Amino acid sequence: MTKTPKILVITAGGAYAWVIVNALAMRFSGTEVLLESSESKSVFLKRRARKVGWVQTAGQFFTMAVSRFGKRLAQARTDEIVAAHDLITEPLPGLPVISVSSANGADCLDLIATRKPDLVFLAGCRMLSKATLAAIPCPVLNYHSGINPKYRGLAGGWWARGTGDHENYGATVHLVDAGVDTGDIVTQAFLKPDPRESLLTDSLAMAAGSREMVVSAVEQGLSGTLRPESSLLPSVQRFHPPIWTYLKTGLVKGVW
């Protein structure tokens, strides 16, 4: 009898992440989810400020706040994407989901040690620490809403649209290392951006168009046929656009 592969998916949840998780669960019956708790805003902001300074951090925070005012408009577009692609944005019924403190928490590591997965897949969770990575003996893959390495980090779809770089709008599955989306690329889905997308809908649109890519990447990981490669694209870590960039791009280019 063929052994059913064990896959642990670590995620913080959210619509686009559940689309990816559900695609894996529908293909691989041995999928189990470790759902990490939300990170506090103060911890998030302090960490961001250490990287880019408080002025940029404040600008990015205001963008996140302002974009939320358009949530009702974004919801209409979200509903269109869900209907067009027959998406499920909540955990599938019967999918095993276990809450953990964080991807780097002792409880998460204990579960990984107990389950002995054949592959760990990340979809919208905290970065894994070096200690956590060292403790995982199987392949670790990450789903990223952006084309690496040019759009590492956050809001990759918005930056691609905002700079007119439509040929590099899409998603990436890559090996996980200690950097921010810096691991070698397993596969990528290059998509055509819909002009109706926004900062709030890019990730869902990308997830809708990259489910087959995700399943293929995991199949490669389980079969030992991964052929990760580097890219000739420039490597840039992105963050949410600061409010002055967001408003200028929206008003001048119509890219929100």
C-alpha atoms as a PDB file:
ATOM      1  CA  MET A   1       0.000   0.000   0.000  1.00  0.00           C
ATOM      2  CA  THR A   2       1.346   3.437  -0.967  1.00  0.00           C
ATOM      3  CA  LYS A   3       1.971   5.689   1.988  1.00  0.00           C
ATOM      4  CA  THR A   4      -0.124   8.861   2.100  1.00  0.00           C
ATOM      5  CA  PRO A   5       2.292  11.801   2.230  1.00  0.00           C
ATOM      6  CA  LYS A   6       2.030  14.078   5.249  1.00  0.00           C
ATOM      7  CA  ILE A   7       1.986  17.802   4.537  1.00  0.00           C
ATOM      8  CA  LEU A   8       1.956  20.463   7.234  1.00  0.00           C
ATOM      9  CA  VAL A   9       0.820  23.894   6.105  1.00  0.00           C
ATOM     10  CA  ILE A  10       1.653  26.813   8.378  1.00  0.00           C
ATOM     11  CA  THR A  11      -0.495  29.897   7.866  1.00  0.00           C
ATOM     12  CA  ALA A  12      -2.002  32.867   9.655  1.00  0.00           C
ATOM     13  CA  GLY A  13      -5.157  32.431   7.578  1.00  0.00           C
ATOM     14  CA  GLY A  14      -6.913  34.981   5.427  1.00  0.00           C
ATOM     15  CA  ALA A  15      -8.854  34.574   2.181  1.00  0.00           C
ATOM     16  CA  TYR A  16      -5.965  34.107  -0.235  1.00  0.00           C
ATOM     17  CA  ALA A  17      -4.116  31.756   2.120  1.00  0.00           C
ATOM     18  CA  TRP A  18      -7.155  29.496   2.497  1.00  0.00           C
ATOM     19  CA  VAL A  19      -7.495  29.328  -1.273  1.00  0.00           C
ATOM     20  CA  ILE A  20      -3.952  27.960  -1.455  1.00  0.00           C
ATOM     21  CA  VAL A  21      -4.376  25.661   1.553  1.00  0.00           C
ATOM     22  CA  ASN A  22      -7.631  24.255   0.189  1.00  0.00           C
ATOM     23  CA  ALA A  23      -6.029  23.559  -3.194  1.00  0.00           C
ATOM     24  CA  LEU A  24      -3.423  21.449  -1.408  1.00  0.00           C
ATOM     25  CA  ALA A  25      -5.990  19.730   0.801  1.00  0.00           C
ATOM     26  CA  MET A  26      -8.112  18.763  -2.210  1.00  0.00           C
ATOM     27  CA  ARG A  27      -5.082  17.170  -3.884  1.00  0.00           C
ATOM     28  CA  PHE A  28      -3.301  15.666  -0.868  1.00  0.00           C
ATOM     29  CA  SER A  29      -5.420  13.895   1.732  1.00  0.00           C
ATOM     30  CA  GLY A  30      -2.616  13.994   4.292  1.00  0.00           C
ATOM     31  CA  THR A  31      -2.707  17.788   4.609  1.00  0.00           C
ATOM     32  CA  GLU A  32      -2.885  19.301   8.085  1.00  0.00           C
ATOM     33  CA  VAL A  33      -2.855  23.000   9.001  1.00  0.00           C
ATOM     34  CA  LEU A  34      -1.047  24.790  11.812  1.00  0.00           C
ATOM     35  CA  LEU A  35      -2.827  28.133  12.241  1.00  0.00           C
ATOM     36  CA  GLU A  36      -0.660  30.718  13.949  1.00  0.00           C
ATOM     37  CA  SER A  37      -2.065  33.513  16.093  1.00  0.00           C
ATOM     38  CA  SER A  38      -2.047  37.097  14.886  1.00  0.00           C
ATOM     39  CA  GLU A  39       0.942  39.272  15.640  1.00  0.00           C
ATOM     40  CA  SER A  40       0.283  42.443  17.641  1.00  0.00           C
ATOM     41  CA  LYS A  41       0.340  45.704  15.697  1.00  0.00           C
ATOM     42  CA  SER A  42       2.926  47.210  18.064  1.00  0.00           C
ATOM     43  CA  VAL A  43       5.380  44.357  17.513  1.00  0.00           C
ATOM     44  CA  PHE A  44       4.820  44.569  13.764  1.00  0.00           C
ATOM     45  CA  LEU A  45       5.378  48.335  13.648  1.00  0.00           C
ATOM     46  CA  LYS A  46       8.502  48.258  15.815  1.00  0.00           C
ATOM     47  CA  ARG A  47      10.063  45.566  13.656  1.00  0.00           C
ATOM     48  CA  ARG A  48       9.209  47.491  10.491  1.00  0.00           C
ATOM     49  CA  ALA A  49      10.646  50.716  11.934  1.00  0.00           C
ATOM     50  CA  ARG A  50      13.941  48.961  12.625  1.00  0.00           C
ATOM     51  CA  LYS A  51      14.154  48.162   8.929  1.00  0.00           C
ATOM     52  CA  VAL A  52      12.926  51.332   7.228  1.00  0.00           C
ATOM     53  CA  GLY A  53      12.653  53.987   9.942  1.00  0.00           C
ATOM     54  CA  TRP A  54       9.631  55.525  11.622  1.00  0.00           C
ATOM     55  CA  VAL A  55       8.760  57.988   8.831  1.00  0.00           C
ATOM     56  CA  GLN A  56       8.414  55.241   6.212  1.00  0.00           C
ATOM     57  CA  THR A  57       6.679  52.993   8.721  1.00  0.00           C
ATOM     58  CA  ALA A  58       4.115  55.710   9.521  1.00  0.00           C
ATOM     59  CA  GLY A  59       3.528  56.266   5.805  1.00  0.00           C
ATOM     60  CA  GLN A  60       2.995  52.546   5.229  1.00  0.00           C
ATOM     61  CA  PHE A  61       0.676  52.298   8.215  1.00  0.00           C
ATOM     62  CA  PHE A  62      -1.487  55.137   6.877  1.00  0.00           C
ATOM     63  CA  THR A  63      -1.713  53.367   3.513  1.00  0.00           C
ATOM     64  CA  MET A  64      -2.954  50.220   5.222  1.00  0.00           C
ATOM     65  CA  ALA A  65      -5.471  52.277   7.200  1.00  0.00           C
ATOM     66  CA  VAL A  66      -6.680  54.321   4.212  1.00  0.00           C
ATOM     67  CA  SER A  67      -6.979  51.282   1.958  1.00  0.00           C
ATOM     68  CA  ARG A  68      -9.306  49.730   4.521  1.00  0.00           C
ATOM     69  CA  PHE A  69     -11.780  52.538   3.890  1.00  0.00           C
ATOM     70  CA  GLY A  70     -12.224  51.063   0.432  1.00  0.00           C
ATOM     71  CA  LYS A  71     -12.954  47.649   1.836  1.00  0.00           C
ATOM     72  CA  ARG A  72     -16.579  47.720   0.704  1.00  0.00           C
ATOM     73  CA  LEU A  73     -15.540  48.500  -2.862  1.00  0.00           C
ATOM     74  CA  ALA A  74     -12.839  45.843  -2.650  1.00  0.00           C
ATOM     75  CA  GLN A  75     -15.422  43.359  -1.339  1.00  0.00           C
ATOM     76  CA  ALA A  76     -17.383  43.658  -4.561  1.00  0.00           C
ATOM     77  CA  ARG A  77     -14.269  42.790  -6.553  1.00  0.00           C
ATOM     78  CA  THR A  78     -13.431  40.008  -4.095  1.00  0.00           C
ATOM     79  CA  ASP A  79     -16.871  38.497  -4.632  1.00  0.00           C
ATOM     80  CA  GLU A  80     -16.299  38.621  -8.402  1.00  0.00           C
ATOM     81  CA  ILE A  81     -12.980  36.782  -8.101  1.00  0.00           C
ATOM     82  CA  VAL A  82     -14.467  34.148  -5.795  1.00  0.00           C
ATOM     83  CA  ALA A  83     -17.412  33.539  -8.139  1.00  0.00           C
ATOM     84  CA  ALA A  84     -15.332  33.522 -11.327  1.00  0.00           C
ATOM     85  CA  HIS A  85     -12.866  30.943  -9.995  1.00  0.00           C
ATOM     86  CA  ASP A  86     -15.190  28.989  -7.688  1.00  0.00           C
ATOM     87  CA  LEU A  87     -12.962  29.742  -4.699  1.00  0.00           C
ATOM     88  CA  ILE A  88     -13.391  28.669  -1.090  1.00  0.00           C
ATOM     89  CA  THR A  89     -11.933  31.287   1.242  1.00  0.00           C
ATOM     90  CA  GLU A  90     -12.461  29.427   4.512  1.00  0.00           C
ATOM     91  CA  PRO A  91     -11.016  26.082   5.658  1.00  0.00           C
ATOM     92  CA  LEU A  92     -12.592  23.113   3.929  1.00  0.00           C
ATOM     93  CA  PRO A  93     -14.981  21.095   6.128  1.00  0.00           C
ATOM     94  CA  GLY A  94     -13.066  18.321   7.864  1.00  0.00           C
ATOM     95  CA  LEU A  95      -9.646  19.874   7.235  1.00  0.00           C
ATOM     96  CA  PRO A  96      -7.516  19.346  10.368  1.00  0.00           C
ATOM     97  CA  VAL A  97      -6.589  22.780  11.756  1.00  0.00           C
ATOM     98  CA  ILE A  98      -4.550  23.181  14.950  1.00  0.00           C
ATOM     99  CA  SER A  99      -3.919  26.593  16.527  1.00  0.00           C
ATOM    100  CA  VAL A 100      -0.328  27.423  17.461  1.00  0.00           C
ATOM    101  CA  SER A 101       1.289  30.490  18.983  1.00  0.00           C
ATOM    102  CA  SER A 102       3.464  31.216  15.953  1.00  0.00           C
ATOM    103  CA  ALA A 103       5.421  29.493  13.208  1.00  0.00           C
ATOM    104  CA  ASN A 104       8.479  29.752  15.463  1.00  0.00           C
ATOM    105  CA  GLY A 105       6.724  28.750  18.684  1.00  0.00           C
ATOM    106  CA  ALA A 106       7.727  25.724  20.715  1.00  0.00           C
ATOM    107  CA  ASP A 107       4.227  24.302  20.262  1.00  0.00           C
ATOM    108  CA  CYS A 108       4.581  24.508  16.483  1.00  0.00           C
ATOM    109  CA  LEU A 109       7.988  22.818  16.549  1.00  0.00           C
ATOM    110  CA  ASP A 110       6.653  20.105  18.843  1.00  0.00           C
ATOM    111  CA  LEU A 111       3.865  19.346  16.395  1.00  0.00           C
ATOM    112  CA  ILE A 112       6.291  19.217  13.477  1.00  0.00           C
ATOM    113  CA  ALA A 113       8.466  16.784  15.435  1.00  0.00           C
ATOM    114  CA  THR A 114       5.448  14.665  16.337  1.00  0.00           C
ATOM    115  CA  ARG A 115       3.829  14.612  12.886  1.00  0.00           C
ATOM    116  CA  LYS A 116       7.113  13.989  11.008  1.00  0.00           C
ATOM    117  CA  PRO A 117       5.798  15.580   7.792  1.00  0.00           C
ATOM    118  CA  ASP A 118       7.188  14.787   4.354  1.00  0.00           C
ATOM    119  CA  LEU A 119       6.947  18.492   3.486  1.00  0.00           C
ATOM    120  CA  VAL A 120       6.209  21.783   5.245  1.00  0.00           C
ATOM    121  CA  PHE A 121       4.442  24.475   3.225  1.00  0.00           C
ATOM    122  CA  LEU A 122       4.144  28.112   4.275  1.00  0.00           C
ATOM    123  CA  ALA A 123       1.281  30.319   3.120  1.00  0.00           C
ATOM    124  CA  GLY A 124       1.040  33.758   4.686  1.00  0.00           C
ATOM    125  CA  CYS A 125       2.797  33.225   8.016  1.00  0.00           C
ATOM    126  CA  ARG A 126       5.721  34.718   9.917  1.00  0.00           C
ATOM    127  CA  MET A 127       9.250  34.248   8.655  1.00  0.00           C
ATOM    128  CA  LEU A 128      10.858  31.113  10.026  1.00  0.00           C
ATOM    129  CA  SER A 129      13.875  31.720  12.254  1.00  0.00           C
ATOM    130  CA  LYS A 130      17.183  29.999  11.583  1.00  0.00           C
ATOM    131  CA  ALA A 131      16.583  27.791  14.623  1.00  0.00           C
ATOM    132  CA  THR A 132      13.156  26.759  13.351  1.00  0.00           C
ATOM    133  CA  LEU A 133      14.486  25.989   9.881  1.00  0.00           C
ATOM    134  CA  ALA A 134      17.307  23.922  11.337  1.00  0.00           C
ATOM    135  CA  ALA A 135      14.779  21.861  13.307  1.00  0.00           C
ATOM    136  CA  ILE A 136      12.735  20.863  10.243  1.00  0.00           C
ATOM    137  CA  PRO A 137      14.246  17.819   8.497  1.00  0.00           C
ATOM    138  CA  CYS A 138      12.020  17.848   5.398  1.00  0.00           C
ATOM    139  CA  PRO A 139      11.713  20.290   2.455  1.00  0.00           C
ATOM    140  CA  VAL A 140      10.168  23.661   3.349  1.00  0.00           C
ATOM    141  CA  LEU A 141       8.422  25.610   0.595  1.00  0.00           C
ATOM    142  CA  ASN A 142       6.804  29.033   0.703  1.00  0.00           C
ATOM    143  CA  TYR A 143       4.000  30.537  -1.358  1.00  0.00           C
ATOM    144  CA  HIS A 144       4.647  34.211  -2.134  1.00  0.00           C
ATOM    145  CA  SER A 145       2.216  36.704  -3.675  1.00  0.00           C
ATOM    146  CA  GLY A 146       4.739  38.262  -6.030  1.00  0.00           C
ATOM    147  CA  ILE A 147       7.363  37.429  -8.611  1.00  0.00           C
ATOM    148  CA  ASN A 148      10.669  36.850  -6.849  1.00  0.00           C
ATOM    149  CA  PRO A 149      13.223  38.235  -6.488  1.00  0.00           C
ATOM    150  CA  LYS A 150      11.984  41.543  -7.936  1.00  0.00           C
ATOM    151  CA  TYR A 151       8.928  41.687  -5.700  1.00  0.00           C
ATOM    152  CA  ARG A 152      10.001  40.062  -2.462  1.00  0.00           C
ATOM    153  CA  GLY A 153       8.231  41.019   0.753  1.00  0.00           C
ATOM    154  CA  LEU A 154       4.823  42.681   0.668  1.00  0.00           C
ATOM    155  CA  ALA A 155       2.402  44.114  -1.913  1.00  0.00           C
ATOM    156  CA  GLY A 156       4.236  42.557  -4.859  1.00  0.00           C
ATOM    157  CA  GLY A 157       1.182  42.776  -7.081  1.00  0.00           C
ATOM    158  CA  TRP A 158       0.598  46.442  -6.308  1.00  0.00           C
ATOM    159  CA  TRP A 159       4.231  47.329  -7.035  1.00  0.00           C
ATOM    160  CA  ALA A 160       4.155  45.451 -10.338  1.00  0.00           C
ATOM    161  CA  ARG A 161       0.970  47.238 -11.387  1.00  0.00           C
ATOM    162  CA  GLY A 162       2.056  50.594  -9.998  1.00  0.00           C
ATOM    163  CA  THR A 163       5.308  50.580 -11.956  1.00  0.00           C
ATOM    164  CA  GLY A 164       3.721  49.255 -15.141  1.00  0.00           C
ATOM    165  CA  ASP A 165       5.678  46.003 -14.857  1.00  0.00           C
ATOM    166  CA  HIS A 166       2.703  43.854 -15.852  1.00  0.00           C
ATOM    167  CA  GLU A 167       4.836  41.024 -17.232  1.00  0.00           C
ATOM    168  CA  ASN A 168       6.085  40.375 -13.701  1.00  0.00           C
ATOM    169  CA  TYR A 169       2.711  40.190 -12.000  1.00  0.00           C
ATOM    170  CA  GLY A 170       2.176  36.813 -10.401  1.00  0.00           C
ATOM    171  CA  ALA A 171       3.137  34.395  -7.651  1.00  0.00           C
ATOM    172  CA  THR A 172       6.138  32.297  -6.649  1.00  0.00           C
ATOM    173  CA  VAL A 173       6.813  29.067  -4.793  1.00  0.00           C
ATOM    174  CA  HIS A 174      10.346  28.944  -3.467  1.00  0.00           C
ATOM    175  CA  LEU A 175      12.585  27.125  -1.045  1.00  0.00           C
ATOM    176  CA  VAL A 176      12.736  28.746   2.361  1.00  0.00           C
ATOM    177  CA  ASP A 177      15.996  30.112   3.708  1.00  0.00           C
ATOM    178  CA  ALA A 178      16.786  32.681   6.388  1.00  0.00           C
ATOM    179  CA  GLY A 179      16.087  35.679   4.114  1.00  0.00           C
ATOM    180  CA  VAL A 180      12.882  37.447   3.082  1.00  0.00           C
ATOM    181  CA  ASP A 181      11.674  35.433   0.080  1.00  0.00           C
ATOM    182  CA  THR A 182      15.287  34.895  -1.000  1.00  0.00           C
ATOM    183  CA  GLY A 183      15.255  31.113  -1.429  1.00  0.00           C
ATOM    184  CA  ASP A 184      15.751  29.562  -4.864  1.00  0.00           C
ATOM    185  CA  ILE A 185      12.645  29.507  -7.049  1.00  0.00           C
ATOM    186  CA  VAL A 186      10.756  26.249  -7.543  1.00  0.00           C
ATOM    187  CA  THR A 187       8.097  27.565  -9.917  1.00  0.00           C
ATOM    188  CA  GLN A 188       6.226  30.763 -10.787  1.00  0.00           C
ATOM    189  CA  ALA A 189       2.843  31.735 -12.216  1.00  0.00           C
ATOM    190  CA  PHE A 190       2.927  34.827 -14.433  1.00  0.00           C
ATOM    191  CA  LEU A 191      -0.555  36.302 -14.608  1.00  0.00           C
ATOM    192  CA  LYS A 192      -2.278  39.138 -16.454  1.00  0.00           C
ATOM    193  CA  PRO A 193      -3.335  41.788 -13.942  1.00  0.00           C
ATOM    194  CA  ASP A 194      -6.931  42.863 -14.126  1.00  0.00           C
ATOM    195  CA  PRO A 195      -7.253  46.693 -14.027  1.00  0.00           C
ATOM    196  CA  ARG A 196      -9.945  46.244 -11.389  1.00  0.00           C
ATOM    197  CA  GLU A 197      -7.484  44.855  -8.835  1.00  0.00           C
ATOM    198  CA  SER A 198      -6.330  46.876  -5.851  1.00  0.00           C
ATOM    199  CA  LEU A 199      -3.947  46.588  -2.948  1.00  0.00           C
ATOM    200  CA  LEU A 200      -6.700  44.637  -1.171  1.00  0.00           C
ATOM    201  CA  THR A 201      -7.469  42.157  -3.968  1.00  0.00           C
ATOM    202  CA  ASP A 202      -4.131  41.392  -5.638  1.00  0.00           C
ATOM    203  CA  SER A 203      -3.277  38.470  -3.359  1.00  0.00           C
ATOM    204  CA  LEU A 204      -6.638  36.773  -3.895  1.00  0.00           C
ATOM    205  CA  ALA A 205      -6.428  37.219  -7.669  1.00  0.00           C
ATOM    206  CA  MET A 206      -2.926  35.745  -7.650  1.00  0.00           C
ATOM    207  CA  ALA A 207      -4.014  32.806  -5.506  1.00  0.00           C
ATOM    208  CA  ALA A 208      -6.895  32.094  -7.882  1.00  0.00           C
ATOM    209  CA  GLY A 209      -4.507  31.928 -10.807  1.00  0.00           C
ATOM    210  CA  SER A 210      -1.707  29.964  -9.156  1.00  0.00           C
ATOM    211  CA  ARG A 211      -3.369  26.967  -7.506  1.00  0.00           C
ATOM    212  CA  GLU A 212      -2.152  24.480 -10.102  1.00  0.00           C
ATOM    213  CA  MET A 213       1.378  25.840  -9.722  1.00  0.00           C
ATOM    214  CA  VAL A 214       1.238  25.273  -5.966  1.00  0.00           C
ATOM    215  CA  VAL A 215       0.045  21.683  -6.321  1.00  0.00           C
ATOM    216  CA  SER A 216       2.747  20.994  -8.922  1.00  0.00           C
ATOM    217  CA  ALA A 217       5.463  22.407  -6.646  1.00  0.00           C
ATOM    218  CA  VAL A 218       4.368  20.208  -3.746  1.00  0.00           C
ATOM    219  CA  GLU A 219       4.232  17.154  -6.003  1.00  0.00           C
ATOM    220  CA  GLN A 220       7.836  17.863  -6.961  1.00  0.00           C
ATOM    221  CA  GLY A 221       8.805  18.264  -3.327  1.00  0.00           C
ATOM    222  CA  LEU A 222       7.216  14.960  -2.348  1.00  0.00           C
ATOM    223  CA  SER A 223       8.724  13.057  -5.258  1.00  0.00           C
ATOM    224  CA  GLY A 224      12.210  14.474  -4.748  1.00  0.00           C
ATOM    225  CA  THR A 225      12.246  16.110  -8.175  1.00  0.00           C
ATOM    226  CA  LEU A 226      12.622  19.740  -7.120  1.00  0.00           C
ATOM    227  CA  ARG A 227      14.878  21.706  -9.451  1.00  0.00           C
ATOM    228  CA  PRO A 228      15.108  25.128  -7.786  1.00  0.00           C
ATOM    229  CA  GLU A 229      16.759  27.929  -9.736  1.00  0.00           C
ATOM    230  CA  SER A 230      17.893  31.487  -9.164  1.00  0.00           C
ATOM    231  CA  SER A 231      16.638  34.423 -11.249  1.00  0.00           C
ATOM    232  CA  LEU A 232      18.336  37.189 -13.207  1.00  0.00           C
ATOM    233  CA  LEU A 233      15.741  39.726 -12.061  1.00  0.00           C
ATOM    234  CA  PRO A 234      16.959  42.390  -9.608  1.00  0.00           C
ATOM    235  CA  SER A 235      16.386  41.469  -5.969  1.00  0.00           C
ATOM    236  CA  VAL A 236      14.293  44.054  -4.101  1.00  0.00           C
ATOM    237  CA  GLN A 237      12.423  43.727  -0.823  1.00  0.00           C
ATOM    238  CA  ARG A 238       9.092  45.524  -0.988  1.00  0.00           C
ATOM    239  CA  PHE A 239       6.862  46.906   1.733  1.00  0.00           C
ATOM    240  CA  HIS A 240       3.419  48.467   1.659  1.00  0.00           C
ATOM    241  CA  PRO A 241       3.705  51.737  -0.303  1.00  0.00           C
ATOM    242  CA  PRO A 242       3.840  54.803   1.950  1.00  0.00           C
ATOM    243  CA  ILE A 243       0.716  56.921   1.807  1.00  0.00           C
ATOM    244  CA  TRP A 244       2.293  59.618  -0.419  1.00  0.00           C
ATOM    245  CA  THR A 245       3.326  57.022  -3.015  1.00  0.00           C
ATOM    246  CA  TYR A 246       0.005  55.195  -2.784  1.00  0.00           C
ATOM    247  CA  LEU A 247      -2.101  58.319  -3.325  1.00  0.00           C
ATOM    248  CA  LYS A 248       0.093  59.699  -6.120  1.00  0.00           C
ATOM    249  CA  THR A 249       0.052  56.378  -7.978  1.00  0.00           C
ATOM    250  CA  GLY A 250      -3.698  56.077  -7.544  1.00  0.00           C
ATOM    251  CA  LEU A 251      -4.491  59.597  -8.659  1.00  0.00           C
ATOM    252  CA  VAL A 252      -2.015  59.705 -11.573  1.00  0.00           C
ATOM    253  CA  LYS A 253      -2.127  56.126 -12.831  1.00  0.00           C
ATOM    254  CA  GLY A 254      -5.410  54.861 -11.436  1.00  0.00           C
ATOM    255  CA  VAL A 255      -3.584  52.062  -9.650  1.00  0.00           C
ATOM    256  CA  TRP A 256      -4.983  51.515  -6.189  1.00  0.00           C
END
